[in-house]
Protein backbone atom coordinates (compact mmCIF):
# COMPACT_ATOMS: atom_id res chain seq x y z
CA MET A 1 31.87 -25.52 -2.90
CA PHE A 2 29.03 -27.93 -2.06
CA ALA A 3 26.66 -24.97 -1.75
CA GLU A 4 27.75 -23.80 -5.21
CA ILE A 5 26.90 -27.21 -6.70
CA LEU A 6 23.50 -27.19 -4.99
CA LYS A 7 22.78 -23.68 -6.33
CA ILE A 8 23.22 -25.02 -9.86
CA THR A 9 21.76 -28.53 -9.38
CA ILE A 10 18.51 -27.66 -7.57
CA PRO A 11 17.26 -25.17 -10.21
CA ALA A 12 18.31 -27.59 -12.96
CA LEU A 13 16.37 -30.42 -11.29
CA MET A 14 13.34 -28.16 -10.87
CA VAL A 15 13.43 -27.19 -14.56
CA PHE A 16 13.85 -30.85 -15.52
CA LEU A 17 10.95 -31.90 -13.25
CA ALA A 18 8.68 -29.17 -14.62
CA GLY A 19 9.54 -30.17 -18.18
CA TYR A 20 8.99 -33.84 -17.40
CA LEU A 21 5.57 -33.20 -15.83
CA ALA A 22 4.51 -30.94 -18.70
CA LEU A 23 5.64 -33.50 -21.28
CA ARG A 24 3.91 -36.35 -19.42
CA THR A 25 0.63 -34.40 -19.28
CA LEU A 26 0.93 -33.54 -22.96
CA ILE A 27 1.51 -37.20 -23.90
CA LYS A 28 -1.45 -38.36 -21.75
CA ASN A 29 -3.74 -35.80 -23.36
CA GLU A 30 -2.59 -36.76 -26.85
CA THR A 31 -3.13 -40.46 -26.09
CA ARG A 32 -6.66 -39.73 -24.83
CA ARG A 33 -7.38 -37.65 -27.92
CA GLN A 34 -6.15 -40.42 -30.21
CA LYS A 35 -8.25 -43.04 -28.38
CA ALA A 36 -11.33 -40.81 -28.61
CA GLU A 37 -10.72 -40.21 -32.30
CA LEU A 38 -10.26 -43.93 -32.92
CA MET A 39 -13.47 -44.70 -31.02
CA PHE A 40 -15.36 -42.04 -33.00
CA ASN A 41 -14.07 -43.41 -36.30
CA THR A 42 -14.94 -46.96 -35.26
CA ILE A 43 -18.48 -45.92 -34.39
CA LYS A 44 -18.72 -43.88 -37.58
CA VAL A 45 -17.88 -46.98 -39.63
CA SER A 46 -19.64 -49.66 -37.59
CA LEU A 47 -22.95 -47.90 -36.87
CA PRO A 48 -24.20 -48.04 -40.48
CA LEU A 49 -23.19 -51.71 -40.68
CA ARG A 50 -25.00 -52.51 -37.45
CA LEU A 51 -28.13 -50.65 -38.52
CA GLN A 52 -28.07 -52.44 -41.86
CA ALA A 53 -27.79 -55.79 -40.05
CA TYR A 54 -30.84 -55.01 -37.93
CA GLU A 55 -32.69 -53.89 -41.05
CA ARG A 56 -31.81 -57.10 -42.89
CA LEU A 57 -32.84 -59.28 -39.96
CA ILE A 58 -36.19 -57.52 -39.70
CA LEU A 59 -36.63 -58.09 -43.42
CA LEU A 60 -35.70 -61.75 -42.91
CA MET A 61 -38.38 -62.10 -40.25
CA GLU A 62 -40.93 -60.53 -42.59
CA ARG A 63 -39.90 -62.78 -45.47
CA ILE A 64 -40.07 -66.03 -43.49
CA SER A 65 -43.37 -65.28 -41.78
CA PRO A 66 -45.89 -67.87 -42.99
CA GLU A 67 -48.18 -65.42 -44.77
CA SER A 68 -45.27 -63.99 -46.78
CA VAL A 69 -43.39 -67.18 -47.58
CA ILE A 70 -46.55 -69.09 -48.57
CA ILE A 71 -47.63 -66.37 -51.00
CA ARG A 72 -44.16 -66.22 -52.50
CA VAL A 73 -43.56 -69.98 -52.80
CA ASN A 74 -46.96 -71.57 -53.40
CA LYS A 75 -47.67 -72.37 -57.05
CA LYS A 76 -50.89 -73.59 -58.60
CA GLY A 77 -51.11 -77.37 -58.75
CA MET A 78 -48.51 -78.03 -56.02
CA LEU A 79 -48.99 -80.89 -53.62
CA ALA A 80 -48.70 -80.42 -49.86
CA SER A 81 -45.38 -82.29 -49.78
CA ASP A 82 -44.02 -80.07 -52.58
CA LEU A 83 -45.10 -76.95 -50.72
CA GLN A 84 -43.45 -78.15 -47.52
CA SER A 85 -40.16 -78.72 -49.35
CA ALA A 86 -40.40 -75.38 -51.13
CA LEU A 87 -41.20 -73.50 -47.91
CA LEU A 88 -38.34 -75.09 -46.00
CA GLY A 89 -35.95 -74.54 -48.92
CA ASP A 90 -36.91 -70.87 -49.19
CA ILE A 91 -36.53 -70.32 -45.45
CA ARG A 92 -33.14 -72.07 -45.50
CA ALA A 93 -31.97 -69.91 -48.42
CA GLU A 94 -33.12 -66.72 -46.68
CA TRP A 95 -31.40 -67.84 -43.48
CA GLU A 96 -28.11 -68.68 -45.18
CA HIS A 97 -28.18 -65.35 -47.00
CA ASN A 98 -28.37 -63.50 -43.66
CA LEU A 99 -26.10 -65.61 -41.44
CA SER A 100 -23.31 -63.04 -41.44
CA GLN A 101 -25.56 -60.45 -39.80
CA GLN A 102 -24.96 -62.11 -36.44
CA LEU A 103 -21.60 -60.31 -36.35
CA TYR A 104 -23.31 -56.95 -35.95
CA VAL A 105 -26.16 -57.67 -33.53
CA SER A 106 -26.26 -58.67 -29.88
CA ASN A 107 -26.31 -62.33 -28.89
CA GLU A 108 -29.83 -61.87 -27.51
CA ALA A 109 -31.07 -60.42 -30.81
CA TRP A 110 -29.48 -63.25 -32.78
CA GLU A 111 -31.05 -65.84 -30.47
CA MET A 112 -34.48 -64.24 -30.93
CA VAL A 113 -34.10 -64.35 -34.72
CA LYS A 114 -32.81 -67.91 -34.64
CA ASN A 115 -35.65 -69.06 -32.38
CA ALA A 116 -38.24 -67.38 -34.60
CA LYS A 117 -36.84 -69.16 -37.65
CA GLU A 118 -36.79 -72.50 -35.85
CA ASN A 119 -40.38 -72.00 -34.66
CA ILE A 120 -41.56 -71.29 -38.20
CA VAL A 121 -39.78 -74.41 -39.50
CA LYS A 122 -41.30 -76.45 -36.67
CA LEU A 123 -44.76 -75.02 -37.45
CA ILE A 124 -44.45 -76.00 -41.12
CA ASN A 125 -43.31 -79.51 -40.25
CA ILE A 126 -46.04 -80.06 -37.64
CA CYS A 127 -48.75 -78.82 -40.00
CA SER A 128 -47.34 -81.00 -42.79
CA GLU A 129 -47.78 -84.06 -40.59
CA LYS A 130 -51.46 -83.20 -40.17
CA VAL A 131 -52.08 -83.04 -43.93
CA ALA A 132 -51.67 -85.92 -46.36
CA PRO A 133 -48.65 -85.50 -48.68
CA ASN A 134 -50.87 -85.79 -51.76
CA ASP A 135 -53.34 -83.14 -50.59
CA SER A 136 -53.27 -79.82 -52.36
CA SER A 137 -50.87 -77.13 -51.27
CA PHE A 138 -53.93 -75.03 -50.45
CA ASP A 139 -54.81 -77.47 -47.63
CA LEU A 140 -51.33 -77.20 -46.14
CA SER A 141 -51.29 -73.42 -46.55
CA LYS A 142 -54.62 -73.14 -44.79
CA LYS A 143 -53.45 -75.39 -41.94
CA ILE A 144 -50.22 -73.42 -41.48
CA LEU A 145 -51.97 -70.04 -41.48
CA GLU A 146 -54.71 -71.21 -39.10
CA THR A 147 -52.19 -72.69 -36.67
CA TYR A 148 -50.02 -69.57 -36.91
CA ALA A 149 -53.00 -67.31 -36.21
CA GLU A 150 -53.93 -69.39 -33.15
CA GLN A 151 -50.53 -68.88 -31.52
CA GLU A 152 -50.59 -66.50 -28.57
CA ILE A 153 -47.05 -65.38 -29.30
CA ASN A 154 -46.11 -64.73 -32.90
CA PRO A 155 -42.39 -65.65 -33.14
CA THR A 156 -41.51 -63.36 -36.03
CA SER A 157 -43.34 -60.36 -34.55
CA LEU A 158 -41.66 -60.97 -31.21
CA ALA A 159 -38.24 -61.01 -32.87
CA ILE A 160 -39.04 -57.88 -34.90
CA GLU A 161 -40.10 -55.99 -31.77
CA PHE A 162 -36.91 -57.05 -30.00
CA LEU A 163 -34.78 -55.90 -32.95
CA LYS A 164 -36.58 -52.54 -33.08
CA LYS A 165 -36.03 -52.07 -29.35
CA GLU A 166 -32.31 -52.70 -29.73
CA VAL A 167 -32.06 -50.24 -32.63
CA LYS A 168 -33.67 -47.56 -30.48
CA GLU A 169 -31.08 -48.25 -27.77
CA ILE A 170 -28.26 -47.91 -30.31
CA LEU A 171 -29.53 -44.62 -31.61
C-alpha cells in the first residue's frame, strides 16, 4: 500500500518540481527582459535631454565669456559703472536661464561651469575696481579683455573642454 502511494507521489512531485523550475526560470527571464527594456527606454528618453543640457551649458560658457558678453552688452556712451552692472546682470540672467541643466550633467561638470561663471564675475568686479566709475565703458572693456587674455587658464574654455570630454564619454 505504501509502495503504491510512493509510485503515484514521486512522479507527481517530479512533474511539480520540473514545472516549478521551468516557471521560475521563465519569470526570471521575463523580469530581466522587462528591466532591460525599461533601461533602454530610459536611456532613449534621457540621452537627448542630457546632450541638450551639455549643449546649453557650452553655449552658456560662450555667451558669458568676456569677449562675447562685452560685445553684446556694451552700448555707446556707457560709463564703466553702467557696463559693470549690465555685464553682471546679463551673466546673472544667462545663469538663471540655465540653472535647471544641472539635473542632466555630472556634479563635476556643474562645478566646472559654476566655477567658470564665478571667475568671470570676479574678473569683472576686480577690473571694475581698477577703473573709475565715471570712465568710459571702453576703458573697463579694455581692462577686462586684457586681464582675461593674461590668464594662464581660461575658465570658460576649461569648462567647455570638460563638458566636451563628458559628452564623448556618454556617446
